[in-house]
């Protein structure tokens, strides 16, 4: 921040990176919690075959 209280471009870039990394961390934590639920038997997977061509 400069003396006028405005945020310069470097700070904006850093804040944007913090936001991006926070989102990645939240996604990782949610995936880890899903694995824990599966391991504990609280979340069941419904495994089915799928045609890869129809998904894309």
C-alpha atoms as a PDB file:
ATOM      1  CA  UNK A   1       0.000   0.000   0.000  1.00  0.00           C
ATOM      2  CA  UNK A   2       1.216   3.476  -0.668  1.00  0.00           C
ATOM      3  CA  UNK A   3       0.734   6.481   1.590  1.00  0.00           C
ATOM      4  CA  UNK A   4      -2.636   7.342   0.061  1.00  0.00           C
ATOM      5  CA  UNK A   5      -4.037   3.979   1.120  1.00  0.00           C
ATOM      6  CA  UNK A   6      -4.431   2.569  -2.374  1.00  0.00           C
ATOM      7  CA  UNK A   7      -3.334  -0.956  -3.169  1.00  0.00           C
ATOM      8  CA  UNK A   8      -0.703  -1.207  -5.877  1.00  0.00           C
ATOM      9  CA  UNK A   9      -0.617  -3.861  -8.581  1.00  0.00           C
ATOM     10  CA  UNK A  10       1.919  -6.032  -6.746  1.00  0.00           C
ATOM     11  CA  UNK A  11      -0.375  -6.272  -3.714  1.00  0.00           C
ATOM     12  CA  UNK A  12      -3.362  -7.009  -5.935  1.00  0.00           C
ATOM     13  CA  UNK A  13      -1.406  -9.804  -7.585  1.00  0.00           C
ATOM     14  CA  UNK A  14      -0.413 -11.228  -4.202  1.00  0.00           C
ATOM     15  CA  UNK A  15      -3.982 -11.056  -2.921  1.00  0.00           C
ATOM     16  CA  UNK A  16      -5.217 -12.796  -6.055  1.00  0.00           C
ATOM     17  CA  UNK A  17      -2.648 -15.575  -5.559  1.00  0.00           C
ATOM     18  CA  UNK A  18      -3.692 -15.947  -1.913  1.00  0.00           C
ATOM     19  CA  UNK A  19      -7.299 -16.337  -3.017  1.00  0.00           C
ATOM     20  CA  UNK A  20      -6.385 -18.931  -5.638  1.00  0.00           C
ATOM     21  CA  UNK A  21      -4.255 -20.939  -3.237  1.00  0.00           C
ATOM     22  CA  UNK A  22      -6.967 -20.767  -0.572  1.00  0.00           C
ATOM     23  CA  UNK A  23      -9.446 -22.257  -3.039  1.00  0.00           C
ATOM     24  CA  UNK A  24      -6.992 -25.031  -3.947  1.00  0.00           C
ATOM     25  CA  UNK A  25      -6.428 -25.793  -0.271  1.00  0.00           C
ATOM     26  CA  UNK A  26     -10.180 -25.940   0.389  1.00  0.00           C
ATOM     27  CA  UNK A  27     -10.624 -28.334  -2.555  1.00  0.00           C
ATOM     28  CA  UNK A  28      -7.820 -30.537  -1.268  1.00  0.00           C
ATOM     29  CA  UNK A  29      -9.282 -30.618   2.236  1.00  0.00           C
ATOM     30  CA  UNK A  30     -12.732 -31.515   0.884  1.00  0.00           C
ATOM     31  CA  UNK A  31     -11.258 -34.337  -1.180  1.00  0.00           C
ATOM     32  CA  UNK A  32      -9.366 -35.610   1.846  1.00  0.00           C
ATOM     33  CA  UNK A  33     -12.545 -35.542   3.902  1.00  0.00           C
ATOM     34  CA  UNK A  34     -14.342 -37.510   1.156  1.00  0.00           C
ATOM     35  CA  UNK A  35     -11.604 -40.158   1.278  1.00  0.00           C
ATOM     36  CA  UNK A  36     -11.968 -40.312   5.053  1.00  0.00           C
ATOM     37  CA  UNK A  37     -15.739 -40.766   4.725  1.00  0.00           C
ATOM     38  CA  UNK A  38     -15.263 -43.543   2.171  1.00  0.00           C
ATOM     39  CA  UNK A  39     -12.706 -45.240   4.415  1.00  0.00           C
ATOM     40  CA  UNK A  40     -15.061 -44.999   7.415  1.00  0.00           C
ATOM     41  CA  UNK A  41     -17.931 -46.456   5.382  1.00  0.00           C
ATOM     42  CA  UNK A  42     -19.989 -43.277   5.647  1.00  0.00           C
ATOM     43  CA  UNK A  43     -19.862 -42.530   1.932  1.00  0.00           C
ATOM     44  CA  UNK A  44     -20.521 -45.286  -0.553  1.00  0.00           C
ATOM     45  CA  UNK A  45     -19.284 -45.325  -4.122  1.00  0.00           C
ATOM     46  CA  UNK A  46     -21.505 -46.566  -6.913  1.00  0.00           C
ATOM     47  CA  UNK A  47     -18.980 -47.967  -9.380  1.00  0.00           C
ATOM     48  CA  UNK A  48     -20.331 -48.413 -12.908  1.00  0.00           C
ATOM     49  CA  UNK A  49     -18.840 -48.876 -16.319  1.00  0.00           C
ATOM     50  CA  UNK A  50     -19.067 -45.888 -18.614  1.00  0.00           C
ATOM     51  CA  UNK A  51     -18.404 -45.182 -22.259  1.00  0.00           C
ATOM     52  CA  UNK A  52     -15.587 -42.628 -22.233  1.00  0.00           C
ATOM     53  CA  UNK A  53     -16.740 -41.192 -25.556  1.00  0.00           C
ATOM     54  CA  UNK A  54     -20.146 -40.294 -24.130  1.00  0.00           C
ATOM     55  CA  UNK A  55     -18.596 -38.390 -21.199  1.00  0.00           C
ATOM     56  CA  UNK A  56     -16.465 -36.047 -23.302  1.00  0.00           C
END
